[in-house]
């Protein structure tokens, strides 16, 4: 959990449209169908046929069915991901326990004693100040008031990192390898691409230009691409949460319209750099800054020409059971919310190891 999350008990890492699991877990049986000619009412001596009622309710009922199907799909996907994550965490815990036991036996001591002897660097005042400055807007409290919690959080993180490094060194020493493959989901890599087309690892991000958590993820992804310039390609897909972010759809359309002129990523970077300025006039200013043909850009925005692309992305998100942003897939491996560079890099390193072991094949 993040530091701000600890302060707030459960800080979210994603913009999401909350769905009620109970709504999809108990679906009542549909009412028995009536013949189209059957009377459902009588008005002024005339029978009102069931077919007239069907026509009146058809659109709404179809919408309700689609909503139900989306909710069921989301719950099913979330459950599968939670199961896979739990299995993965338990497997890694078992491996850590095993290599630690081997090391303890080799040194005629106990696992507990080995962990107690680990050297953990003390957090400095400069590190606490730097952390506070980076999180100041979210923390919203004076440094002097929050300093003890910051120290405790950073010291705990340092201890976790020290243990992780130790476990990893033991895994290497005792030749531990994970043979169980991770859960992968089939995601169509359709959309603007940043990075080499033939990169062995594909990152697909479903995002919303007005989502603050998407904004938090962007610098982490840029850092990742810089660290692995030949191994990664990033594909952007739209999931504007319009009920939460009123300008998200305009921004998504602007991205598609800029992509039609070969300048998606320039527009993408400007929109994430200033998420508070995503109205149509503000988007036009950004379009001018990157040198778009404004007549083409305005025509694209006004005509709704970008909407089919966005709808395709949204439908893909529905089929994957997504209801929040950012949602990221690394070679089909799902990561939820504004994950850190370290979390992203851990998955990328594991993918590179797996590809190397498979001779470059997935």
Protein backbone atom coordinates (compact mmCIF):
# COMPACT_ATOMS: atom_id res chain seq x y z
CA UNK A 1 0.00 0.00 0.00
CA UNK A 2 1.17 3.51 -0.74
CA UNK A 3 2.06 5.95 2.05
CA UNK A 4 -0.95 8.14 1.26
CA UNK A 5 -3.02 4.96 1.18
CA UNK A 6 -1.91 4.14 4.72
CA UNK A 7 -2.86 7.61 5.86
CA UNK A 8 -6.30 7.27 4.28
CA UNK A 9 -6.65 3.55 5.11
CA UNK A 10 -7.42 2.61 1.49
CA UNK A 11 -6.24 5.07 -1.11
CA UNK A 12 -7.36 4.08 -4.63
CA UNK A 13 -4.83 3.64 -7.41
CA UNK A 14 -7.28 3.87 -10.28
CA UNK A 15 -10.27 5.84 -11.54
CA UNK A 16 -13.12 3.34 -11.56
CA UNK A 17 -16.81 3.01 -12.21
CA UNK A 18 -17.94 1.06 -9.14
CA UNK A 19 -20.20 -1.83 -9.92
CA UNK A 20 -22.34 -3.64 -7.38
CA UNK A 21 -21.34 -7.34 -7.32
CA UNK A 22 -24.72 -8.28 -5.87
CA UNK A 23 -26.44 -6.96 -8.96
CA UNK A 24 -24.82 -9.63 -11.07
CA UNK A 25 -24.59 -12.46 -8.55
CA UNK A 26 -28.33 -13.10 -8.30
CA UNK A 27 -30.08 -12.73 -11.63
CA UNK A 28 -33.85 -13.30 -11.35
CA UNK A 29 -35.55 -15.51 -13.88
CA UNK A 30 -37.09 -13.54 -16.77
CA UNK A 31 -40.85 -13.27 -16.98
CA UNK A 32 -42.39 -15.83 -19.36
CA UNK A 33 -42.77 -14.50 -22.90
CA UNK A 34 -46.27 -13.70 -24.11
CA UNK A 35 -47.51 -14.21 -27.66
CA UNK A 36 -47.10 -11.00 -29.67
CA UNK A 37 -50.85 -10.74 -30.17
CA UNK A 38 -51.75 -11.34 -26.53
CA UNK A 39 -53.56 -8.46 -24.86
CA UNK A 40 -51.71 -6.76 -22.03
CA UNK A 41 -54.27 -4.02 -21.39
CA UNK A 42 -57.61 -2.71 -22.60
CA UNK A 43 -58.15 0.98 -23.26
CA UNK A 44 -61.42 2.49 -24.53
CA UNK A 45 -62.66 -0.94 -25.41
CA UNK A 46 -59.56 -1.72 -27.50
CA UNK A 47 -56.94 -4.33 -26.63
CA UNK A 48 -53.29 -3.25 -26.33
CA UNK A 49 -51.18 -6.10 -27.79
CA UNK A 50 -48.00 -7.42 -26.21
CA UNK A 51 -46.13 -6.50 -29.40
CA UNK A 52 -46.75 -2.78 -28.69
CA UNK A 53 -45.29 -3.19 -25.20
CA UNK A 54 -42.30 -5.06 -26.62
CA UNK A 55 -41.57 -2.20 -29.00
CA UNK A 56 -41.81 0.34 -26.18
CA UNK A 57 -39.38 -1.45 -23.85
CA UNK A 58 -36.98 -3.02 -26.37
CA UNK A 59 -34.18 -0.43 -26.26
CA UNK A 60 -34.13 -0.10 -22.47
CA UNK A 61 -34.22 -3.85 -21.89
CA UNK A 62 -31.37 -4.38 -24.34
CA UNK A 63 -29.39 -1.75 -22.43
CA UNK A 64 -30.09 -3.49 -19.13
CA UNK A 65 -29.03 -6.85 -20.59
CA UNK A 66 -25.79 -5.33 -21.84
CA UNK A 67 -25.12 -3.75 -18.45
CA UNK A 68 -25.76 -7.07 -16.71
CA UNK A 69 -23.46 -8.92 -19.11
CA UNK A 70 -20.72 -6.31 -18.57
CA UNK A 71 -21.05 -6.61 -14.79
CA UNK A 72 -20.87 -10.39 -14.90
CA UNK A 73 -17.85 -10.24 -17.20
CA UNK A 74 -16.12 -7.75 -14.91
CA UNK A 75 -16.71 -9.85 -11.80
CA UNK A 76 -15.53 -12.99 -13.59
CA UNK A 77 -12.35 -11.25 -14.81
CA UNK A 78 -11.59 -9.72 -11.42
CA UNK A 79 -12.06 -13.07 -9.70
CA UNK A 80 -9.74 -14.83 -12.16
CA UNK A 81 -7.09 -12.13 -11.68
CA UNK A 82 -7.37 -12.24 -7.90
CA UNK A 83 -7.03 -16.03 -7.92
CA UNK A 84 -3.99 -15.87 -10.18
CA UNK A 85 -2.37 -13.14 -8.06
CA UNK A 86 -2.94 -15.13 -4.87
CA UNK A 87 -1.52 -18.31 -6.38
CA UNK A 88 1.51 -16.36 -7.62
CA UNK A 89 2.13 -14.72 -4.24
CA UNK A 90 1.84 -18.03 -2.40
CA UNK A 91 4.21 -19.76 -4.82
CA UNK A 92 6.81 -17.03 -4.37
CA UNK A 93 6.37 -17.17 -0.62
CA UNK A 94 6.98 -20.92 -0.66
CA UNK A 95 10.12 -20.46 -2.77
CA UNK A 96 11.42 -17.76 -0.40
CA UNK A 97 10.79 -19.99 2.61
CA UNK A 98 12.55 -22.91 0.92
CA UNK A 99 15.74 -21.05 -0.04
CA UNK A 100 15.87 -19.41 3.39
CA UNK A 101 15.58 -22.83 5.06
CA UNK A 102 18.40 -24.16 2.86
CA UNK A 103 20.61 -21.21 3.80
CA UNK A 104 19.80 -21.61 7.49
CA UNK A 105 20.70 -25.31 7.36
CA UNK A 106 23.95 -24.53 5.55
CA UNK A 107 24.91 -22.01 8.25
CA UNK A 108 23.60 -24.09 11.18
CA UNK A 109 21.20 -21.38 12.27
CA UNK A 110 17.52 -20.53 11.92
CA UNK A 111 15.60 -18.63 9.21
CA UNK A 112 14.47 -16.14 11.84
CA UNK A 113 18.07 -15.43 12.88
CA UNK A 114 19.15 -14.90 9.27
CA UNK A 115 16.41 -12.32 8.69
CA UNK A 116 17.15 -10.59 11.99
CA UNK A 117 20.78 -10.20 10.97
CA UNK A 118 19.96 -8.41 7.72
CA UNK A 119 21.45 -4.92 7.50
CA UNK A 120 18.81 -2.30 6.72
CA UNK A 121 20.02 1.25 5.92
CA UNK A 122 18.53 3.99 8.08
CA UNK A 123 16.34 6.54 6.34
CA UNK A 124 17.92 10.00 6.27
CA UNK A 125 16.29 13.36 6.89
CA UNK A 126 17.01 14.30 3.26
CA UNK A 127 15.13 11.21 2.03
CA UNK A 128 12.14 12.03 4.24
CA UNK A 129 12.09 15.63 3.05
CA UNK A 130 12.32 14.57 -0.60
CA UNK A 131 9.50 12.07 -0.13
CA UNK A 132 7.31 14.66 1.56
CA UNK A 133 7.86 17.23 -1.20
CA UNK A 134 6.92 14.68 -3.85
CA UNK A 135 3.73 13.69 -1.97
CA UNK A 136 2.91 17.05 -0.40
CA UNK A 137 -0.25 17.75 -2.41
CA UNK A 138 -1.75 14.37 -1.54
CA UNK A 139 -0.66 14.34 2.11
CA UNK A 140 -2.09 17.78 2.83
CA UNK A 141 -0.48 18.07 6.27
CA UNK A 142 2.63 19.92 7.59
CA UNK A 143 5.91 18.00 7.45
CA UNK A 144 6.55 18.31 11.21
CA UNK A 145 3.19 16.71 11.90
CA UNK A 146 3.62 13.82 9.52
CA UNK A 147 7.39 13.20 9.82
CA UNK A 148 7.12 10.20 12.22
CA UNK A 149 4.75 8.38 9.86
CA UNK A 150 6.96 9.16 6.88
CA UNK A 151 9.98 7.76 8.70
CA UNK A 152 8.11 4.61 9.69
CA UNK A 153 6.82 4.11 6.15
CA UNK A 154 10.20 4.63 4.46
CA UNK A 155 12.02 2.49 7.03
CA UNK A 156 9.53 -0.32 6.48
CA UNK A 157 9.98 0.01 2.71
CA UNK A 158 13.77 -0.13 3.13
CA UNK A 159 13.44 -3.29 5.23
CA UNK A 160 11.17 -4.88 2.61
CA UNK A 161 13.66 -4.03 -0.13
CA UNK A 162 16.55 -5.47 1.86
CA UNK A 163 14.65 -8.71 2.44
CA UNK A 164 13.70 -8.91 -1.23
CA UNK A 165 17.32 -8.48 -2.32
CA UNK A 166 18.37 -11.17 0.16
CA UNK A 167 15.73 -13.60 -1.03
CA UNK A 168 16.70 -12.95 -4.65
CA UNK A 169 20.35 -13.63 -3.87
CA UNK A 170 19.36 -16.92 -2.21
CA UNK A 171 17.21 -17.86 -5.19
CA UNK A 172 20.22 -17.36 -7.41
CA UNK A 173 22.51 -19.29 -5.04
CA UNK A 174 20.17 -22.29 -4.88
CA UNK A 175 19.14 -22.10 -8.56
CA UNK A 176 15.46 -21.48 -7.84
CA UNK A 177 13.25 -21.08 -10.90
CA UNK A 178 9.53 -20.45 -11.24
CA UNK A 179 8.13 -22.95 -13.73
CA UNK A 180 4.46 -22.02 -13.37
CA UNK A 181 3.45 -19.58 -16.09
CA UNK A 182 1.64 -16.34 -15.23
CA UNK A 183 -1.97 -15.62 -16.16
CA UNK A 184 -2.12 -13.98 -19.56
CA UNK A 185 -5.09 -12.35 -21.27
CA UNK A 186 -5.57 -11.90 -24.98
CA UNK A 187 -5.55 -8.17 -25.74
CA UNK A 188 -5.59 -6.78 -29.28
CA UNK A 189 -2.60 -4.40 -29.70
CA UNK A 190 -4.64 -1.94 -31.76
CA UNK A 191 -3.79 1.73 -31.35
CA UNK A 192 -0.94 4.25 -31.51
CA UNK A 193 2.44 2.65 -30.80
CA UNK A 194 5.49 4.09 -29.08
CA UNK A 195 8.64 1.98 -29.37
CA UNK A 196 9.97 -0.60 -31.87
CA UNK A 197 7.25 -2.47 -33.77
CA UNK A 198 9.12 -5.78 -33.31
CA UNK A 199 9.87 -5.35 -29.61
CA UNK A 200 9.52 -8.68 -27.73
CA UNK A 201 7.37 -7.13 -25.00
CA UNK A 202 4.13 -5.26 -25.69
CA UNK A 203 2.53 -3.01 -23.10
CA UNK A 204 -1.12 -2.15 -23.74
CA UNK A 205 -2.53 0.67 -21.65
CA UNK A 206 -6.25 1.46 -21.37
CA UNK A 207 -6.30 5.05 -20.21
CA UNK A 208 -8.29 8.25 -19.72
CA UNK A 209 -6.59 11.61 -20.35
CA UNK A 210 -8.47 13.27 -17.47
CA UNK A 211 -7.86 10.48 -14.93
CA UNK A 212 -5.35 11.62 -12.28
CA UNK A 213 -4.11 8.07 -11.72
CA UNK A 214 -3.43 7.72 -15.45
CA UNK A 215 -1.46 10.94 -15.17
CA UNK A 216 0.54 9.41 -12.33
CA UNK A 217 1.32 6.32 -14.39
CA UNK A 218 2.58 8.18 -17.47
CA UNK A 219 6.03 9.20 -16.13
CA UNK A 220 6.55 5.66 -14.87
CA UNK A 221 5.85 4.28 -18.35
CA UNK A 222 8.18 6.83 -19.97
CA UNK A 223 10.93 5.88 -17.54
CA UNK A 224 10.34 2.21 -18.38
CA UNK A 225 10.56 2.84 -22.13
CA UNK A 226 13.81 4.74 -21.61
CA UNK A 227 15.25 1.89 -19.55
CA UNK A 228 14.31 -0.73 -22.18
CA UNK A 229 14.46 1.16 -25.50
CA UNK A 230 14.64 -1.90 -27.77
CA UNK A 231 12.65 -4.43 -25.75
CA UNK A 232 9.36 -2.59 -25.27
CA UNK A 233 6.56 -1.12 -27.31
CA UNK A 234 3.63 0.75 -25.77
CA UNK A 235 0.14 0.69 -27.28
CA UNK A 236 -2.41 3.27 -26.14
CA UNK A 237 -6.12 2.45 -26.00
CA UNK A 238 -8.94 4.74 -24.91
CA UNK A 239 -11.22 4.19 -21.95
CA UNK A 240 -12.71 7.62 -21.16
CA UNK A 241 -14.77 7.46 -17.96
CA UNK A 242 -17.18 10.21 -18.93
CA UNK A 243 -19.35 9.91 -15.82
CA UNK A 244 -16.31 10.83 -13.74
CA UNK A 245 -14.40 13.06 -16.15
CA UNK A 246 -16.53 15.41 -18.27
CA UNK A 247 -13.73 16.28 -20.71
CA UNK A 248 -12.39 12.74 -21.11
CA UNK A 249 -14.28 12.04 -24.33
CA UNK A 250 -13.19 15.33 -25.94
CA UNK A 251 -9.60 14.49 -25.05
CA UNK A 252 -9.88 10.95 -26.42
CA UNK A 253 -11.30 12.33 -29.67
CA UNK A 254 -8.46 14.87 -29.84
CA UNK A 255 -5.96 12.06 -29.51
CA UNK A 256 -7.55 10.10 -32.36
CA UNK A 257 -7.76 13.23 -34.53
CA UNK A 258 -4.09 14.00 -33.85
CA UNK A 259 -3.22 10.39 -34.69
CA UNK A 260 -4.84 10.87 -38.11
CA UNK A 261 -2.14 13.47 -38.75
CA UNK A 262 0.65 11.31 -37.34
CA UNK A 263 1.02 13.30 -34.10
CA UNK A 264 -0.78 11.26 -31.47
CA UNK A 265 2.08 11.06 -29.00
CA UNK A 266 2.78 14.79 -29.15
CA UNK A 267 -0.88 15.45 -28.30
CA UNK A 268 -0.85 12.64 -25.73
CA UNK A 269 2.10 14.20 -23.89
CA UNK A 270 0.58 17.70 -23.89
CA UNK A 271 -2.76 16.46 -22.56
CA UNK A 272 -1.17 14.52 -19.72
CA UNK A 273 1.13 17.44 -18.94
CA UNK A 274 -1.92 19.64 -18.26
CA UNK A 275 -4.91 17.47 -17.35
CA UNK A 276 -6.84 20.48 -16.13
CA UNK A 277 -7.01 21.99 -19.62
CA UNK A 278 -8.95 19.50 -21.74
CA UNK A 279 -11.91 21.58 -22.90
CA UNK A 280 -12.35 21.88 -26.66
CA UNK A 281 -10.77 25.38 -26.79
CA UNK A 282 -7.82 24.14 -24.71
CA UNK A 283 -7.43 21.12 -26.97
CA UNK A 284 -7.35 23.40 -30.00
CA UNK A 285 -4.51 25.39 -28.38
CA UNK A 286 -2.59 22.16 -27.92
CA UNK A 287 -3.28 21.13 -31.52
CA UNK A 288 -1.81 24.42 -32.75
CA UNK A 289 1.25 23.97 -30.54
CA UNK A 290 2.14 20.66 -32.20
CA UNK A 291 1.50 22.02 -35.69
CA UNK A 292 -1.67 20.17 -36.68
CA UNK A 293 -3.70 21.20 -39.71
CA UNK A 294 -6.41 22.97 -37.74
CA UNK A 295 -9.08 22.66 -40.40
CA UNK A 296 -8.66 18.89 -40.47
CA UNK A 297 -8.46 18.73 -36.67
CA UNK A 298 -11.62 20.81 -36.12
CA UNK A 299 -13.52 18.86 -38.77
CA UNK A 300 -12.51 15.61 -37.11
CA UNK A 301 -13.65 16.83 -33.69
CA UNK A 302 -16.92 18.35 -34.92
CA UNK A 303 -17.94 15.42 -37.11
CA UNK A 304 -17.49 12.67 -34.50
CA UNK A 305 -15.14 10.86 -36.89
CA UNK A 306 -13.01 9.70 -33.97
CA UNK A 307 -15.87 8.02 -32.10
CA UNK A 308 -15.72 4.61 -33.88
CA UNK A 309 -12.08 4.19 -32.79
CA UNK A 310 -12.95 5.06 -29.20
CA UNK A 311 -16.00 2.79 -29.21
CA UNK A 312 -13.83 -0.10 -30.43
CA UNK A 313 -11.46 0.47 -27.51
CA UNK A 314 -14.34 0.72 -25.06
CA UNK A 315 -15.83 -2.54 -26.33
CA UNK A 316 -12.46 -4.25 -25.95
CA UNK A 317 -12.35 -2.98 -22.36
CA UNK A 318 -15.84 -4.37 -21.70
CA UNK A 319 -14.83 -7.78 -23.08
CA UNK A 320 -11.79 -7.76 -20.78
CA UNK A 321 -13.97 -6.90 -17.79
CA UNK A 322 -12.31 -3.54 -17.20
CA UNK A 323 -14.11 -0.78 -15.32
CA UNK A 324 -11.25 1.47 -14.26
CA UNK A 325 -8.20 3.33 -15.50
CA UNK A 326 -5.36 2.91 -15.88
CA UNK A 327 -5.50 -0.79 -16.77
CA UNK A 328 -2.24 -2.11 -18.17
CA UNK A 329 -1.24 -5.40 -19.78
CA UNK A 330 2.40 -6.46 -20.21
CA UNK A 331 2.46 -9.33 -22.70
CA UNK A 332 -1.06 -10.08 -21.48
CA UNK A 333 -0.22 -9.83 -17.76
CA UNK A 334 -2.65 -7.48 -16.01
CA UNK A 335 -1.55 -4.61 -13.77
CA UNK A 336 -4.22 -2.54 -12.08
CA UNK A 337 -3.98 1.18 -11.39
CA UNK A 338 -1.10 3.61 -11.05
CA UNK A 339 1.63 1.06 -10.44
CA UNK A 340 5.22 2.17 -9.82
CA UNK A 341 8.25 1.89 -12.07
CA UNK A 342 9.59 -0.88 -9.81
CA UNK A 343 6.40 -2.91 -10.25
CA UNK A 344 6.46 -2.43 -14.01
CA UNK A 345 10.16 -3.23 -14.23
CA UNK A 346 9.75 -6.40 -12.17
CA UNK A 347 7.25 -7.77 -14.69
CA UNK A 348 9.39 -6.69 -17.66
CA UNK A 349 12.50 -8.37 -16.21
CA UNK A 350 10.52 -11.55 -15.59
CA UNK A 351 9.21 -11.47 -19.17
CA UNK A 352 12.74 -11.04 -20.53
CA UNK A 353 13.93 -13.98 -18.43
CA UNK A 354 11.07 -16.14 -19.66
CA UNK A 355 11.71 -15.16 -23.29
CA UNK A 356 15.40 -15.93 -22.91
CA UNK A 357 14.65 -19.33 -21.40
CA UNK A 358 12.23 -20.05 -24.25
CA UNK A 359 14.78 -19.04 -26.86
CA UNK A 360 13.01 -15.79 -27.67
CA UNK A 361 9.61 -17.45 -28.08
CA UNK A 362 6.63 -16.70 -25.86
